[in-house]
Amino acid sequence: MVLDILCTAVSWFVYTCAFLFLVNALTFLIPFLLHTYVFTAQDLKKKYNGAKWAVVTGGSSGIGRAITEKLASQGINVVIVALADDLLGKFKDTISAQYPDLEFRTVGVDMSKPTAVQEIIDATGVPNHHCSSRCHSF
């Protein structure tokens, strides 16, 4: 009688541990498989009809920097727009060295100003119809 109760308790413990292990493994495995086989990286050049240029606001740090690096990795020239500070210049030097075949232009501008978009156009000389944009601003 005691042996039956002990065997039942051990069985429940083993089943519970196996179930928890399976759930833990699936929480890793399912996102990994989805990311690898379903949600593959987008070809941004193709998505935006062979875009040669992109404008990224907030492009010297954080998410804007990551977007700039992704665009560059896919062969798209980037206008990096951010506040005029040392970070903008340092990032331009870094990414230009990393992708020497691409062109990077920097525009130090405060995007909260109403004239910011015109300042970007004036500073870069890139016509609007040749530019796809990915924007990141606060």
C-alpha atoms as a PDB file:
ATOM      1  CA  MET A   1       0.000   0.000   0.000  1.00  0.00           C
ATOM      2  CA  VAL A   2       2.720   2.504   0.971  1.00  0.00           C
ATOM      3  CA  LEU A   3       4.773   1.397  -2.030  1.00  0.00           C
ATOM      4  CA  ASP A   4       1.840   2.104  -4.376  1.00  0.00           C
ATOM      5  CA  ILE A   5       1.400   5.602  -2.950  1.00  0.00           C
ATOM      6  CA  LEU A   6       5.139   6.261  -3.246  1.00  0.00           C
ATOM      7  CA  CYS A   7       5.211   5.013  -6.862  1.00  0.00           C
ATOM      8  CA  THR A   8       2.221   7.206  -7.709  1.00  0.00           C
ATOM      9  CA  ALA A   9       3.861  10.268  -6.135  1.00  0.00           C
ATOM     10  CA  VAL A  10       7.152   9.629  -7.956  1.00  0.00           C
ATOM     11  CA  SER A  11       5.276   9.114 -11.237  1.00  0.00           C
ATOM     12  CA  TRP A  12       3.422  12.417 -10.831  1.00  0.00           C
ATOM     13  CA  PHE A  13       6.704  14.153 -10.017  1.00  0.00           C
ATOM     14  CA  VAL A  14       8.388  12.694 -13.113  1.00  0.00           C
ATOM     15  CA  TYR A  15       5.425  13.601 -15.341  1.00  0.00           C
ATOM     16  CA  THR A  16       5.331  17.128 -13.937  1.00  0.00           C
ATOM     17  CA  CYS A  17       9.074  17.603 -14.524  1.00  0.00           C
ATOM     18  CA  ALA A  18       8.776  16.219 -18.056  1.00  0.00           C
ATOM     19  CA  PHE A  19       5.859  18.536 -18.796  1.00  0.00           C
ATOM     20  CA  LEU A  20       7.721  21.575 -17.465  1.00  0.00           C
ATOM     21  CA  PHE A  21      10.806  20.642 -19.486  1.00  0.00           C
ATOM     22  CA  LEU A  22       8.669  20.297 -22.626  1.00  0.00           C
ATOM     23  CA  VAL A  23       7.019  23.685 -22.074  1.00  0.00           C
ATOM     24  CA  ASN A  24      10.407  25.277 -21.445  1.00  0.00           C
ATOM     25  CA  ALA A  25      11.867  23.725 -24.594  1.00  0.00           C
ATOM     26  CA  LEU A  26       8.900  24.828 -26.709  1.00  0.00           C
ATOM     27  CA  THR A  27       9.167  28.438 -25.510  1.00  0.00           C
ATOM     28  CA  PHE A  28      12.617  28.478 -27.074  1.00  0.00           C
ATOM     29  CA  LEU A  29      12.009  26.211 -30.057  1.00  0.00           C
ATOM     30  CA  ILE A  30       8.826  27.783 -31.457  1.00  0.00           C
ATOM     31  CA  PRO A  31      10.167  31.380 -31.701  1.00  0.00           C
ATOM     32  CA  PHE A  32      13.466  30.075 -33.079  1.00  0.00           C
ATOM     33  CA  LEU A  33      11.717  28.112 -35.835  1.00  0.00           C
ATOM     34  CA  LEU A  34       9.382  30.995 -36.663  1.00  0.00           C
ATOM     35  CA  HIS A  35      12.267  33.467 -36.874  1.00  0.00           C
ATOM     36  CA  THR A  36      14.395  31.107 -38.951  1.00  0.00           C
ATOM     37  CA  TYR A  37      11.839  29.787 -41.428  1.00  0.00           C
ATOM     38  CA  VAL A  38       8.775  32.052 -41.428  1.00  0.00           C
ATOM     39  CA  PHE A  39       9.829  35.603 -40.582  1.00  0.00           C
ATOM     40  CA  THR A  40      12.938  35.926 -42.725  1.00  0.00           C
ATOM     41  CA  ALA A  41      14.664  39.276 -43.280  1.00  0.00           C
ATOM     42  CA  GLN A  42      13.013  41.565 -45.795  1.00  0.00           C
ATOM     43  CA  ASP A  43      14.856  42.647 -48.907  1.00  0.00           C
ATOM     44  CA  LEU A  44      14.343  46.385 -48.450  1.00  0.00           C
ATOM     45  CA  LYS A  45      15.799  47.296 -51.830  1.00  0.00           C
ATOM     46  CA  LYS A  46      13.229  45.064 -53.521  1.00  0.00           C
ATOM     47  CA  LYS A  47      10.402  46.183 -51.214  1.00  0.00           C
ATOM     48  CA  TYR A  48      10.992  49.831 -52.102  1.00  0.00           C
ATOM     49  CA  ASN A  49      11.423  49.310 -55.876  1.00  0.00           C
ATOM     50  CA  GLY A  50      15.211  49.426 -56.028  1.00  0.00           C
ATOM     51  CA  ALA A  51      15.598  52.419 -53.718  1.00  0.00           C
ATOM     52  CA  LYS A  52      19.073  53.911 -53.794  1.00  0.00           C
ATOM     53  CA  TRP A  53      18.667  56.215 -50.802  1.00  0.00           C
ATOM     54  CA  ALA A  54      16.927  56.140 -47.448  1.00  0.00           C
ATOM     55  CA  VAL A  55      16.566  58.827 -44.813  1.00  0.00           C
ATOM     56  CA  VAL A  56      16.771  57.712 -41.194  1.00  0.00           C
ATOM     57  CA  THR A  57      15.927  60.217 -38.494  1.00  0.00           C
ATOM     58  CA  GLY A  58      17.466  59.595 -35.111  1.00  0.00           C
ATOM     59  CA  GLY A  59      20.039  57.576 -37.026  1.00  0.00           C
ATOM     60  CA  SER A  60      23.120  58.050 -34.868  1.00  0.00           C
ATOM     61  CA  SER A  61      22.003  55.902 -31.933  1.00  0.00           C
ATOM     62  CA  GLY A  62      19.520  53.304 -30.740  1.00  0.00           C
ATOM     63  CA  ILE A  63      16.869  51.984 -33.101  1.00  0.00           C
ATOM     64  CA  GLY A  64      17.731  54.561 -35.764  1.00  0.00           C
ATOM     65  CA  ARG A  65      21.328  53.351 -35.775  1.00  0.00           C
ATOM     66  CA  ALA A  66      20.180  49.730 -36.126  1.00  0.00           C
ATOM     67  CA  ILE A  67      17.923  50.694 -39.045  1.00  0.00           C
ATOM     68  CA  THR A  68      20.814  52.555 -40.683  1.00  0.00           C
ATOM     69  CA  GLU A  69      23.059  49.498 -40.323  1.00  0.00           C
ATOM     70  CA  LYS A  70      20.345  47.210 -41.759  1.00  0.00           C
ATOM     71  CA  LEU A  71      19.815  49.464 -44.776  1.00  0.00           C
ATOM     72  CA  ALA A  72      23.555  49.662 -45.381  1.00  0.00           C
ATOM     73  CA  SER A  73      23.897  45.887 -45.141  1.00  0.00           C
ATOM     74  CA  GLN A  74      21.406  45.647 -47.996  1.00  0.00           C
ATOM     75  CA  GLY A  75      23.292  48.096 -50.206  1.00  0.00           C
ATOM     76  CA  ILE A  76      21.199  51.219 -49.691  1.00  0.00           C
ATOM     77  CA  ASN A  77      22.853  54.630 -49.290  1.00  0.00           C
ATOM     78  CA  VAL A  78      21.662  56.443 -46.170  1.00  0.00           C
ATOM     79  CA  VAL A  79      21.102  60.027 -45.104  1.00  0.00           C
ATOM     80  CA  ILE A  80      21.601  59.934 -41.353  1.00  0.00           C
ATOM     81  CA  VAL A  81      19.611  62.659 -39.631  1.00  0.00           C
ATOM     82  CA  ALA A  82      20.196  63.393 -35.954  1.00  0.00           C
ATOM     83  CA  LEU A  83      21.058  66.207 -33.623  1.00  0.00           C
ATOM     84  CA  ALA A  84      24.354  67.849 -34.534  1.00  0.00           C
ATOM     85  CA  ASP A  85      26.770  66.312 -32.037  1.00  0.00           C
ATOM     86  CA  ASP A  86      29.928  64.210 -31.883  1.00  0.00           C
ATOM     87  CA  LEU A  87      27.931  60.970 -31.936  1.00  0.00           C
ATOM     88  CA  LEU A  88      26.659  61.708 -35.446  1.00  0.00           C
ATOM     89  CA  GLY A  89      30.151  62.272 -36.844  1.00  0.00           C
ATOM     90  CA  LYS A  90      31.631  59.253 -35.085  1.00  0.00           C
ATOM     91  CA  PHE A  91      28.857  56.985 -36.346  1.00  0.00           C
ATOM     92  CA  LYS A  92      29.299  58.248 -39.905  1.00  0.00           C
ATOM     93  CA  ASP A  93      33.017  57.457 -39.729  1.00  0.00           C
ATOM     94  CA  THR A  94      32.304  53.992 -38.316  1.00  0.00           C
ATOM     95  CA  ILE A  95      29.659  53.002 -40.844  1.00  0.00           C
ATOM     96  CA  SER A  96      31.568  54.512 -43.779  1.00  0.00           C
ATOM     97  CA  ALA A  97      34.559  52.337 -42.878  1.00  0.00           C
ATOM     98  CA  GLN A  98      32.300  49.305 -42.551  1.00  0.00           C
ATOM     99  CA  TYR A  99      30.605  49.877 -45.949  1.00  0.00           C
ATOM    100  CA  PRO A 100      33.147  51.693 -48.150  1.00  0.00           C
ATOM    101  CA  ASP A 101      31.144  51.145 -51.362  1.00  0.00           C
ATOM    102  CA  LEU A 102      28.129  53.057 -50.057  1.00  0.00           C
ATOM    103  CA  GLU A 103      27.579  56.751 -49.527  1.00  0.00           C
ATOM    104  CA  PHE A 104      26.459  58.189 -46.202  1.00  0.00           C
ATOM    105  CA  ARG A 105      25.412  61.768 -45.684  1.00  0.00           C
ATOM    106  CA  THR A 106      24.791  63.328 -42.303  1.00  0.00           C
ATOM    107  CA  VAL A 107      22.441  66.144 -41.477  1.00  0.00           C
ATOM    108  CA  GLY A 108      22.548  67.668 -38.021  1.00  0.00           C
ATOM    109  CA  VAL A 109      19.075  69.026 -37.476  1.00  0.00           C
ATOM    110  CA  ASP A 110      16.495  69.243 -34.721  1.00  0.00           C
ATOM    111  CA  MET A 111      13.443  67.391 -36.057  1.00  0.00           C
ATOM    112  CA  SER A 112      11.117  69.340 -33.763  1.00  0.00           C
ATOM    113  CA  LYS A 113      11.627  72.457 -35.911  1.00  0.00           C
ATOM    114  CA  PRO A 114       8.998  73.051 -38.623  1.00  0.00           C
ATOM    115  CA  THR A 115      11.735  73.652 -41.213  1.00  0.00           C
ATOM    116  CA  ALA A 116      13.581  70.390 -40.489  1.00  0.00           C
ATOM    117  CA  VAL A 117      12.428  68.497 -43.594  1.00  0.00           C
ATOM    118  CA  GLN A 118      13.394  71.360 -45.895  1.00  0.00           C
ATOM    119  CA  GLU A 119      16.791  71.571 -44.164  1.00  0.00           C
ATOM    120  CA  ILE A 120      17.346  67.874 -44.870  1.00  0.00           C
ATOM    121  CA  ILE A 121      16.442  68.287 -48.543  1.00  0.00           C
ATOM    122  CA  ASP A 122      18.639  71.382 -48.879  1.00  0.00           C
ATOM    123  CA  ALA A 123      21.582  69.727 -47.122  1.00  0.00           C
ATOM    124  CA  THR A 124      21.523  66.501 -49.108  1.00  0.00           C
ATOM    125  CA  GLY A 125      20.332  67.456 -52.552  1.00  0.00           C
ATOM    126  CA  VAL A 126      18.561  64.093 -52.791  1.00  0.00           C
ATOM    127  CA  PRO A 127      15.298  64.507 -54.705  1.00  0.00           C
ATOM    128  CA  ASN A 128      12.199  63.245 -52.909  1.00  0.00           C
ATOM    129  CA  HIS A 129      11.222  60.776 -55.632  1.00  0.00           C
ATOM    130  CA  HIS A 130      14.559  58.916 -55.333  1.00  0.00           C
ATOM    131  CA  CYS A 131      14.294  58.324 -51.639  1.00  0.00           C
ATOM    132  CA  SER A 132      12.565  55.724 -49.519  1.00  0.00           C
ATOM    133  CA  SER A 133      12.486  56.565 -45.893  1.00  0.00           C
ATOM    134  CA  ARG A 134      12.494  54.706 -42.608  1.00  0.00           C
ATOM    135  CA  CYS A 135      12.029  57.104 -39.757  1.00  0.00           C
ATOM    136  CA  HIS A 136      12.715  56.863 -36.073  1.00  0.00           C
ATOM    137  CA  SER A 137      12.022  59.884 -33.954  1.00  0.00           C
ATOM    138  CA  PHE A 138      11.020  60.598 -30.394  1.00  0.00           C
END
